[in-house]
Amino acid sequence: MKRAVRRLCSALRWANLRVRQRAGRGDEGMTTSEYAMGTIAACAFAAVLYKIVTSGAISDALGSLVGRALDAPF
């Protein structure tokens, strides 16, 4: 899990650097490789969030929260 977070942070830093480098140019938009890196970083981030949300403690807490919200008086 720590390795995945480190890779995600590294990918985000690289993508941020590329975007800042291109910001000084007159052309707009991203190249295909930049879209690919953004997609990979988003997927890695989604995978990390999925692992966190589906962990036992978090899942129980979210279930409890939703249950209390549904039972709230109006």
PDB file of N, CA and C in Angstrom:
ATOM      1  N   MET A   1       0.831  -1.183   0.000  1.00  0.00           N
ATOM      2  CA  MET A   1       0.000   0.000   0.000  1.00  0.00           C
ATOM      3  C   MET A   1       0.879   1.251   0.000  1.00  0.00           C
ATOM      4  N   LYS A   2       1.944   1.247   0.820  1.00  0.00           N
ATOM      5  CA  LYS A   2       2.832   2.409   0.863  1.00  0.00           C
ATOM      6  C   LYS A   2       3.504   2.608  -0.488  1.00  0.00           C
ATOM      7  N   ARG A   3       3.854   1.502  -1.140  1.00  0.00           N
ATOM      8  CA  ARG A   3       4.503   1.588  -2.443  1.00  0.00           C
ATOM      9  C   ARG A   3       3.555   2.216  -3.462  1.00  0.00           C
ATOM     10  N   ALA A   4       2.282   1.840  -3.402  1.00  0.00           N
ATOM     11  CA  ALA A   4       1.297   2.401  -4.331  1.00  0.00           C
ATOM     12  C   ALA A   4       1.127   3.900  -4.099  1.00  0.00           C
ATOM     13  N   VAL A   5       1.115   4.308  -2.848  1.00  0.00           N
ATOM     14  CA  VAL A   5       0.982   5.736  -2.530  1.00  0.00           C
ATOM     15  C   VAL A   5       2.203   6.498  -3.028  1.00  0.00           C
ATOM     16  N   ARG A   6       3.399   5.919  -2.825  1.00  0.00           N
ATOM     17  CA  ARG A   6       4.616   6.580  -3.304  1.00  0.00           C
ATOM     18  C   ARG A   6       4.606   6.705  -4.824  1.00  0.00           C
ATOM     19  N   ARG A   7       4.165   5.651  -5.513  1.00  0.00           N
ATOM     20  CA  ARG A   7       4.106   5.709  -6.972  1.00  0.00           C
ATOM     21  C   ARG A   7       3.095   6.747  -7.425  1.00  0.00           C
ATOM     22  N   LEU A   8       1.962   6.808  -6.745  1.00  0.00           N
ATOM     23  CA  LEU A   8       0.942   7.790  -7.090  1.00  0.00           C
ATOM     24  C   LEU A   8       1.484   9.203  -6.911  1.00  0.00           C
ATOM     25  N   CYS A   9       2.149   9.454  -5.785  1.00  0.00           N
ATOM     26  CA  CYS A   9       2.717  10.786  -5.532  1.00  0.00           C
ATOM     27  C   CYS A   9       3.764  11.132  -6.578  1.00  0.00           C
ATOM     28  N   SER A  10       4.583  10.162  -6.948  1.00  0.00           N
ATOM     29  CA  SER A  10       5.597  10.393  -7.963  1.00  0.00           C
ATOM     30  C   SER A  10       4.953  10.722  -9.309  1.00  0.00           C
ATOM     31  N   ALA A  11       3.908   9.986  -9.668  1.00  0.00           N
ATOM     32  CA  ALA A  11       3.216  10.243 -10.938  1.00  0.00           C
ATOM     33  C   ALA A  11       2.561  11.613 -10.934  1.00  0.00           C
ATOM     34  N   LEU A  12       1.973  11.992  -9.809  1.00  0.00           N
ATOM     35  CA  LEU A  12       1.335  13.304  -9.721  1.00  0.00           C
ATOM     36  C   LEU A  12       2.363  14.427  -9.805  1.00  0.00           C
ATOM     37  N   ARG A  13       3.528  14.244  -9.151  1.00  0.00           N
ATOM     38  CA  ARG A  13       4.577  15.254  -9.241  1.00  0.00           C
ATOM     39  C   ARG A  13       5.057  15.408 -10.679  1.00  0.00           C
ATOM     40  N   TRP A  14       5.240  14.267 -11.364  1.00  0.00           N
ATOM     41  CA  TRP A  14       5.697  14.296 -12.744  1.00  0.00           C
ATOM     42  C   TRP A  14       4.664  14.993 -13.621  1.00  0.00           C
ATOM     43  N   ALA A  15       3.389  14.653 -13.445  1.00  0.00           N
ATOM     44  CA  ALA A  15       2.333  15.265 -14.251  1.00  0.00           C
ATOM     45  C   ALA A  15       2.259  16.771 -13.976  1.00  0.00           C
ATOM     46  N   ASN A  16       2.405  17.167 -12.719  1.00  0.00           N
ATOM     47  CA  ASN A  16       2.372  18.587 -12.354  1.00  0.00           C
ATOM     48  C   ASN A  16       3.539  19.320 -13.016  1.00  0.00           C
ATOM     49  N   LEU A  17       4.698  18.719 -13.014  1.00  0.00           N
ATOM     50  CA  LEU A  17       5.863  19.333 -13.644  1.00  0.00           C
ATOM     51  C   LEU A  17       5.632  19.512 -15.137  1.00  0.00           C
ATOM     52  N   ARG A  18       5.091  18.488 -15.785  1.00  0.00           N
ATOM     53  CA  ARG A  18       4.835  18.566 -17.224  1.00  0.00           C
ATOM     54  C   ARG A  18       3.815  19.666 -17.539  1.00  0.00           C
ATOM     55  N   VAL A  19       2.790  19.771 -16.732  1.00  0.00           N
ATOM     56  CA  VAL A  19       1.772  20.796 -16.973  1.00  0.00           C
ATOM     57  C   VAL A  19       2.381  22.183 -16.804  1.00  0.00           C
ATOM     58  N   ARG A  20       3.211  22.363 -15.771  1.00  0.00           N
ATOM     59  CA  ARG A  20       3.839  23.677 -15.566  1.00  0.00           C
ATOM     60  C   ARG A  20       4.817  24.003 -16.679  1.00  0.00           C
ATOM     61  N   GLN A  21       5.522  22.994 -17.197  1.00  0.00           N
ATOM     62  CA  GLN A  21       6.446  23.235 -18.300  1.00  0.00           C
ATOM     63  C   GLN A  21       5.685  23.677 -19.542  1.00  0.00           C
ATOM     64  N   ARG A  22       4.551  23.048 -19.794  1.00  0.00           N
ATOM     65  CA  ARG A  22       3.772  23.371 -20.986  1.00  0.00           C
ATOM     66  C   ARG A  22       3.009  24.683 -20.828  1.00  0.00           C
ATOM     67  N   ALA A  23       2.811  25.136 -19.602  1.00  0.00           N
ATOM     68  CA  ALA A  23       2.040  26.359 -19.379  1.00  0.00           C
ATOM     69  C   ALA A  23       2.717  27.570 -20.003  1.00  0.00           C
ATOM     70  N   GLY A  24       4.028  27.547 -20.104  1.00  0.00           N
ATOM     71  CA  GLY A  24       4.744  28.670 -20.680  1.00  0.00           C
ATOM     72  C   GLY A  24       4.648  28.719 -22.193  1.00  0.00           C
ATOM     73  N   ARG A  25       4.195  27.645 -22.815  1.00  0.00           N
ATOM     74  CA  ARG A  25       4.089  27.601 -24.269  1.00  0.00           C
ATOM     75  C   ARG A  25       2.762  28.216 -24.718  1.00  0.00           C
ATOM     76  N   GLY A  26       2.706  28.577 -25.989  1.00  0.00           N
ATOM     77  CA  GLY A  26       1.509  29.183 -26.532  1.00  0.00           C
ATOM     78  C   GLY A  26       0.409  28.178 -26.872  1.00  0.00           C
ATOM     79  N   ASP A  27       0.767  26.908 -27.094  1.00  0.00           N
ATOM     80  CA  ASP A  27      -0.264  25.942 -27.476  1.00  0.00           C
ATOM     81  C   ASP A  27      -1.040  25.465 -26.256  1.00  0.00           C
ATOM     82  N   GLU A  28      -2.267  25.065 -26.495  1.00  0.00           N
ATOM     83  CA  GLU A  28      -3.127  24.645 -25.395  1.00  0.00           C
ATOM     84  C   GLU A  28      -3.405  23.151 -25.508  1.00  0.00           C
ATOM     85  N   GLY A  29      -3.870  22.573 -24.409  1.00  0.00           N
ATOM     86  CA  GLY A  29      -4.245  21.167 -24.427  1.00  0.00           C
ATOM     87  C   GLY A  29      -3.098  20.259 -24.019  1.00  0.00           C
ATOM     88  N   MET A  30      -3.430  19.016 -23.874  1.00  0.00           N
ATOM     89  CA  MET A  30      -2.431  18.038 -23.465  1.00  0.00           C
ATOM     90  C   MET A  30      -2.179  17.070 -24.607  1.00  0.00           C
ATOM     91  N   THR A  31      -1.001  16.498 -24.613  1.00  0.00           N
ATOM     92  CA  THR A  31      -0.680  15.475 -25.596  1.00  0.00           C
ATOM     93  C   THR A  31      -1.241  14.141 -25.117  1.00  0.00           C
ATOM     94  N   THR A  32      -1.191  13.160 -25.982  1.00  0.00           N
ATOM     95  CA  THR A  32      -1.716  11.838 -25.649  1.00  0.00           C
ATOM     96  C   THR A  32      -0.988  11.248 -24.450  1.00  0.00           C
ATOM     97  N   SER A  33       0.307  11.446 -24.370  1.00  0.00           N
ATOM     98  CA  SER A  33       1.062  10.895 -23.237  1.00  0.00           C
ATOM     99  C   SER A  33       0.661  11.560 -21.925  1.00  0.00           C
ATOM    100  N   GLU A  34       0.341  12.845 -21.969  1.00  0.00           N
ATOM    101  CA  GLU A  34      -0.110  13.526 -20.757  1.00  0.00           C
ATOM    102  C   GLU A  34      -1.487  13.043 -20.332  1.00  0.00           C
ATOM    103  N   TYR A  35      -2.368  12.793 -21.302  1.00  0.00           N
ATOM    104  CA  TYR A  35      -3.659  12.201 -20.968  1.00  0.00           C
ATOM    105  C   TYR A  35      -3.462  10.822 -20.350  1.00  0.00           C
ATOM    106  N   ALA A  36      -2.539  10.058 -20.916  1.00  0.00           N
ATOM    107  CA  ALA A  36      -2.277   8.711 -20.397  1.00  0.00           C
ATOM    108  C   ALA A  36      -1.757   8.771 -18.961  1.00  0.00           C
ATOM    109  N   MET A  37      -0.835   9.681 -18.689  1.00  0.00           N
ATOM    110  CA  MET A  37      -0.303   9.802 -17.327  1.00  0.00           C
ATOM    111  C   MET A  37      -1.385  10.269 -16.358  1.00  0.00           C
ATOM    112  N   GLY A  38      -2.223  11.193 -16.789  1.00  0.00           N
ATOM    113  CA  GLY A  38      -3.326  11.642 -15.944  1.00  0.00           C
ATOM    114  C   GLY A  38      -4.305  10.520 -15.657  1.00  0.00           C
ATOM    115  N   THR A  39      -4.580   9.704 -16.663  1.00  0.00           N
ATOM    116  CA  THR A  39      -5.488   8.569 -16.487  1.00  0.00           C
ATOM    117  C   THR A  39      -4.897   7.543 -15.541  1.00  0.00           C
ATOM    118  N   ILE A  40      -3.622   7.258 -15.688  1.00  0.00           N
ATOM    119  CA  ILE A  40      -2.951   6.291 -14.810  1.00  0.00           C
ATOM    120  C   ILE A  40      -2.951   6.802 -13.373  1.00  0.00           C
ATOM    121  N   ALA A  41      -2.639   8.088 -13.189  1.00  0.00           N
ATOM    122  CA  ALA A  41      -2.633   8.656 -11.837  1.00  0.00           C
ATOM    123  C   ALA A  41      -4.025   8.614 -11.226  1.00  0.00           C
ATOM    124  N   ALA A  42      -5.055   8.923 -12.016  1.00  0.00           N
ATOM    125  CA  ALA A  42      -6.430   8.879 -11.505  1.00  0.00           C
ATOM    126  C   ALA A  42      -6.832   7.459 -11.129  1.00  0.00           C
ATOM    127  N   CYS A  43      -6.438   6.488 -11.944  1.00  0.00           N
ATOM    128  CA  CYS A  43      -6.758   5.086 -11.643  1.00  0.00           C
ATOM    129  C   CYS A  43      -6.032   4.625 -10.381  1.00  0.00           C
ATOM    130  N   ALA A  44      -4.775   5.015 -10.235  1.00  0.00           N
ATOM    131  CA  ALA A  44      -4.035   4.635  -9.031  1.00  0.00           C
ATOM    132  C   ALA A  44      -4.670   5.259  -7.793  1.00  0.00           C
ATOM    133  N   PHE A  45      -5.067   6.510  -7.898  1.00  0.00           N
ATOM    134  CA  PHE A  45      -5.722   7.183  -6.782  1.00  0.00           C
ATOM    135  C   PHE A  45      -7.045   6.502  -6.445  1.00  0.00           C
ATOM    136  N   ALA A  46      -7.803   6.123  -7.477  1.00  0.00           N
ATOM    137  CA  ALA A  46      -9.068   5.422  -7.257  1.00  0.00           C
ATOM    138  C   ALA A  46      -8.836   4.072  -6.584  1.00  0.00           C
ATOM    139  N   ALA A  47      -7.776   3.370  -6.981  1.00  0.00           N
ATOM    140  CA  ALA A  47      -7.474   2.074  -6.373  1.00  0.00           C
ATOM    141  C   ALA A  47      -7.128   2.226  -4.891  1.00  0.00           C
ATOM    142  N   VAL A  48      -6.351   3.249  -4.567  1.00  0.00           N
ATOM    143  CA  VAL A  48      -5.997   3.494  -3.163  1.00  0.00           C
ATOM    144  C   VAL A  48      -7.244   3.838  -2.358  1.00  0.00           C
ATOM    145  N   LEU A  49      -8.099   4.709  -2.903  1.00  0.00           N
ATOM    146  CA  LEU A  49      -9.338   5.056  -2.196  1.00  0.00           C
ATOM    147  C   LEU A  49     -10.236   3.842  -2.027  1.00  0.00           C
ATOM    148  N   TYR A  50     -10.306   2.989  -3.044  1.00  0.00           N
ATOM    149  CA  TYR A  50     -11.134   1.787  -2.962  1.00  0.00           C
ATOM    150  C   TYR A  50     -10.646   0.873  -1.843  1.00  0.00           C
ATOM    151  N   LYS A  51      -9.325   0.688  -1.756  1.00  0.00           N
ATOM    152  CA  LYS A  51      -8.768  -0.161  -0.694  1.00  0.00           C
ATOM    153  C   LYS A  51      -9.067   0.432   0.676  1.00  0.00           C
ATOM    154  N   ILE A  52      -8.997   1.745   0.804  1.00  0.00           N
ATOM    155  CA  ILE A  52      -9.261   2.387   2.090  1.00  0.00           C
ATOM    156  C   ILE A  52     -10.733   2.252   2.465  1.00  0.00           C
ATOM    157  N   VAL A  53     -11.615   2.538   1.505  1.00  0.00           N
ATOM    158  CA  VAL A  53     -13.047   2.527   1.794  1.00  0.00           C
ATOM    159  C   VAL A  53     -13.554   1.108   2.063  1.00  0.00           C
ATOM    160  N   THR A  54     -12.975   0.107   1.419  1.00  0.00           N
ATOM    161  CA  THR A  54     -13.446  -1.267   1.619  1.00  0.00           C
ATOM    162  C   THR A  54     -12.760  -1.962   2.788  1.00  0.00           C
ATOM    163  N   SER A  55     -11.875  -1.280   3.491  1.00  0.00           N
ATOM    164  CA  SER A  55     -11.264  -1.880   4.673  1.00  0.00           C
ATOM    165  C   SER A  55     -12.338  -2.045   5.749  1.00  0.00           C
ATOM    166  N   GLY A  56     -12.126  -2.956   6.648  1.00  0.00           N
ATOM    167  CA  GLY A  56     -13.131  -3.302   7.650  1.00  0.00           C
ATOM    168  C   GLY A  56     -13.608  -2.141   8.494  1.00  0.00           C
ATOM    169  N   ALA A  57     -12.701  -1.414   9.080  1.00  0.00           N
ATOM    170  CA  ALA A  57     -13.073  -0.327   9.989  1.00  0.00           C
ATOM    171  C   ALA A  57     -13.820   0.786   9.257  1.00  0.00           C
ATOM    172  N   ILE A  58     -13.329   1.184   8.109  1.00  0.00           N
ATOM    173  CA  ILE A  58     -13.956   2.260   7.349  1.00  0.00           C
ATOM    174  C   ILE A  58     -15.323   1.818   6.840  1.00  0.00           C
ATOM    175  N   SER A  59     -15.404   0.586   6.363  1.00  0.00           N
ATOM    176  CA  SER A  59     -16.677   0.067   5.863  1.00  0.00           C
ATOM    177  C   SER A  59     -17.728   0.054   6.965  1.00  0.00           C
ATOM    178  N   ASP A  60     -17.340  -0.393   8.160  1.00  0.00           N
ATOM    179  CA  ASP A  60     -18.272  -0.395   9.291  1.00  0.00           C
ATOM    180  C   ASP A  60     -18.698   1.023   9.670  1.00  0.00           C
ATOM    181  N   ALA A  61     -17.751   1.947   9.671  1.00  0.00           N
ATOM    182  CA  ALA A  61     -18.065   3.328  10.022  1.00  0.00           C
ATOM    183  C   ALA A  61     -19.014   3.958   8.997  1.00  0.00           C
ATOM    184  N   LEU A  62     -18.765   3.709   7.706  1.00  0.00           N
ATOM    185  CA  LEU A  62     -19.649   4.252   6.676  1.00  0.00           C
ATOM    186  C   LEU A  62     -21.041   3.639   6.761  1.00  0.00           C
ATOM    187  N   GLY A  63     -21.107   2.332   7.032  1.00  0.00           N
ATOM    188  CA  GLY A  63     -22.402   1.668   7.193  1.00  0.00           C
ATOM    189  C   GLY A  63     -23.178   2.236   8.360  1.00  0.00           C
ATOM    190  N   SER A  64     -22.484   2.484   9.459  1.00  0.00           N
ATOM    191  CA  SER A  64     -23.112   3.078  10.635  1.00  0.00           C
ATOM    192  C   SER A  64     -23.612   4.490  10.334  1.00  0.00           C
ATOM    193  N   LEU A  65     -22.797   5.266   9.628  1.00  0.00           N
ATOM    194  CA  LEU A  65     -23.166   6.635   9.278  1.00  0.00           C
ATOM    195  C   LEU A  65     -24.407   6.659   8.391  1.00  0.00           C
ATOM    196  N   VAL A  66     -24.437   5.806   7.385  1.00  0.00           N
ATOM    197  CA  VAL A  66     -25.590   5.742   6.493  1.00  0.00           C
ATOM    198  C   VAL A  66     -26.823   5.277   7.255  1.00  0.00           C
ATOM    199  N   GLY A  67     -26.663   4.295   8.140  1.00  0.00           N
ATOM    200  CA  GLY A  67     -27.789   3.813   8.932  1.00  0.00           C
ATOM    201  C   GLY A  67     -28.369   4.900   9.812  1.00  0.00           C
ATOM    202  N   ARG A  68     -27.504   5.672  10.455  1.00  0.00           N
ATOM    203  CA  ARG A  68     -27.982   6.775  11.293  1.00  0.00           C
ATOM    204  C   ARG A  68     -28.657   7.863  10.466  1.00  0.00           C
ATOM    205  N   ALA A  69     -28.133   8.113   9.276  1.00  0.00           N
ATOM    206  CA  ALA A  69     -28.731   9.140   8.407  1.00  0.00           C
ATOM    207  C   ALA A  69     -30.126   8.707   7.960  1.00  0.00           C
ATOM    208  N   LEU A  70     -30.281   7.429   7.669  1.00  0.00           N
ATOM    209  CA  LEU A  70     -31.597   6.947   7.209  1.00  0.00           C
ATOM    210  C   LEU A  70     -32.613   6.894   8.349  1.00  0.00           C
ATOM    211  N   ASP A  71     -32.147   6.732   9.567  1.00  0.00           N
ATOM    212  CA  ASP A  71     -33.040   6.661  10.717  1.00  0.00           C
ATOM    213  C   ASP A  71     -33.297   8.027  11.359  1.00  0.00           C
ATOM    214  N   ALA A  72     -32.731   9.087  10.796  1.00  0.00           N
ATOM    215  CA  ALA A  72     -32.881  10.418  11.383  1.00  0.00           C
ATOM    216  C   ALA A  72     -34.334  10.900  11.257  1.00  0.00           C
ATOM    217  N   PRO A  73     -34.879  11.485  12.332  1.00  0.00           N
ATOM    218  CA  PRO A  73     -36.242  12.015  12.256  1.00  0.00           C
ATOM    219  C   PRO A  73     -36.276  13.333  11.473  1.00  0.00           C
ATOM    220  N   PHE A  74     -37.360  13.544  10.766  1.00  0.00           N
ATOM    221  CA  PHE A  74     -37.510  14.780   9.994  1.00  0.00           C
ATOM    222  C   PHE A  74     -38.581  15.645  10.588  1.00  0.00           C
TER     223      PHE A  74
END
